[in-house]
């Protein structure tokens, strides 16, 4: 495609749908972190529970920062730049680490 065809592209509602998807994912991450914290501290605080709760909270904050960075980038222009590979990798690593933390709390 030529440069003119790319600049004339109408993104439609795709950026809005993507922003909403990031917000839903952030909400799901928040619920997961709260439930993980509740599970970690159930039955009284222990050293493992406190460390697990702190880890889940840190992972949630990292994911929240990355998601809001992307939401702001999507809202800034009509045709936002693609997600940078390092940000995508960071988001995936946060999600995997949260899943591992949740698994350690359940087992």
Protein backbone atom coordinates (compact mmCIF):
# COMPACT_ATOMS: atom_id res chain seq x y z
CA UNK A 1 0.00 0.00 0.00
CA UNK A 2 1.10 3.51 -0.62
CA UNK A 3 1.69 6.03 2.12
CA UNK A 4 -1.39 8.01 1.09
CA UNK A 5 -3.63 4.95 1.38
CA UNK A 6 -2.32 4.24 4.85
CA UNK A 7 -2.82 7.80 6.07
CA UNK A 8 -6.37 7.89 4.64
CA UNK A 9 -7.36 4.73 6.52
CA UNK A 10 -10.41 5.18 8.72
CA UNK A 11 -9.78 3.27 11.96
CA UNK A 12 -13.48 3.30 12.79
CA UNK A 13 -14.14 2.12 16.31
CA UNK A 14 -11.13 -0.17 16.60
CA UNK A 15 -9.13 2.14 18.93
CA UNK A 16 -12.20 2.53 21.17
CA UNK A 17 -12.75 -1.24 21.29
CA UNK A 18 -9.08 -1.75 22.11
CA UNK A 19 -9.24 0.83 24.93
CA UNK A 20 -12.30 -0.92 26.33
CA UNK A 21 -10.52 -4.29 26.13
CA UNK A 22 -7.56 -2.88 28.08
CA UNK A 23 -9.96 -1.51 30.70
CA UNK A 24 -11.74 -4.88 31.03
CA UNK A 25 -8.41 -6.64 31.38
CA UNK A 26 -7.32 -4.13 34.02
CA UNK A 27 -10.55 -4.74 35.92
CA UNK A 28 -10.02 -8.52 35.74
CA UNK A 29 -6.45 -8.06 36.97
CA UNK A 30 -7.72 -5.96 39.88
CA UNK A 31 -10.24 -8.61 40.89
CA UNK A 32 -7.55 -11.28 40.65
CA UNK A 33 -5.15 -9.28 42.84
CA UNK A 34 -7.84 -8.65 45.46
CA UNK A 35 -8.85 -12.31 45.57
CA UNK A 36 -5.21 -13.39 45.73
CA UNK A 37 -4.62 -11.00 48.64
CA UNK A 38 -7.71 -12.29 50.42
CA UNK A 39 -6.58 -15.90 49.90
CA UNK A 40 -3.03 -15.12 51.02
CA UNK A 41 -4.20 -13.54 54.27
CA UNK A 42 -7.04 -15.97 55.00
CA UNK A 43 -6.60 -17.62 58.37
CA UNK A 44 -4.32 -14.92 59.71
CA UNK A 45 -1.18 -13.33 58.35
CA UNK A 46 1.83 -15.55 57.79
CA UNK A 47 5.19 -14.71 56.30
CA UNK A 48 4.30 -16.60 53.09
CA UNK A 49 0.92 -14.88 52.91
CA UNK A 50 2.39 -11.42 53.33
CA UNK A 51 5.08 -12.05 50.70
CA UNK A 52 2.51 -13.50 48.28
CA UNK A 53 0.18 -10.56 48.88
CA UNK A 54 3.01 -8.07 48.29
CA UNK A 55 4.05 -9.92 45.13
CA UNK A 56 0.49 -9.94 43.76
CA UNK A 57 0.12 -6.24 44.58
CA UNK A 58 3.39 -5.41 42.84
CA UNK A 59 2.43 -7.39 39.76
CA UNK A 60 -0.96 -5.68 39.71
CA UNK A 61 0.65 -2.24 39.92
CA UNK A 62 3.04 -3.10 37.08
CA UNK A 63 0.19 -4.35 34.91
CA UNK A 64 -1.90 -1.30 35.77
CA UNK A 65 0.92 1.05 34.75
CA UNK A 66 1.46 -0.78 31.45
CA UNK A 67 -2.26 -0.88 30.66
CA UNK A 68 -2.77 2.81 31.39
CA UNK A 69 0.25 3.68 29.26
CA UNK A 70 -1.40 1.83 26.36
CA UNK A 71 -4.83 3.35 27.03
CA UNK A 72 -3.32 6.85 26.95
CA UNK A 73 -1.47 6.04 23.73
CA UNK A 74 -4.70 4.81 22.13
CA UNK A 75 -6.59 7.93 23.19
CA UNK A 76 -3.89 10.35 21.99
CA UNK A 77 -4.38 9.97 18.24
CA UNK A 78 -6.87 8.61 15.74
CA UNK A 79 -4.31 6.11 14.44
CA UNK A 80 -2.14 4.99 17.37
CA UNK A 81 1.20 3.30 17.00
CA UNK A 82 1.34 -0.48 17.48
CA UNK A 83 2.12 -1.85 20.91
CA UNK A 84 5.88 -1.97 21.43
CA UNK A 85 7.28 -5.51 21.77
CA UNK A 86 8.86 -4.74 25.15
CA UNK A 87 5.51 -3.55 26.52
CA UNK A 88 3.73 -6.60 25.13
CA UNK A 89 6.37 -8.85 26.69
CA UNK A 90 6.05 -7.04 30.03
CA UNK A 91 2.26 -7.44 30.03
CA UNK A 92 2.53 -11.15 29.23
CA UNK A 93 5.16 -11.66 31.94
CA UNK A 94 2.96 -9.87 34.51
CA UNK A 95 0.01 -12.09 33.58
CA UNK A 96 2.09 -15.27 33.77
CA UNK A 97 3.67 -14.26 37.09
CA UNK A 98 0.23 -13.47 38.52
CA UNK A 99 -1.01 -16.90 37.41
CA UNK A 100 2.00 -18.59 39.03
CA UNK A 101 1.41 -16.61 42.24
CA UNK A 102 -2.26 -17.64 42.22
CA UNK A 103 -1.30 -21.25 41.67
CA UNK A 104 1.12 -21.13 44.60
CA UNK A 105 -1.64 -19.71 46.81
CA UNK A 106 -4.18 -22.36 45.85
CA UNK A 107 -1.90 -25.40 46.07
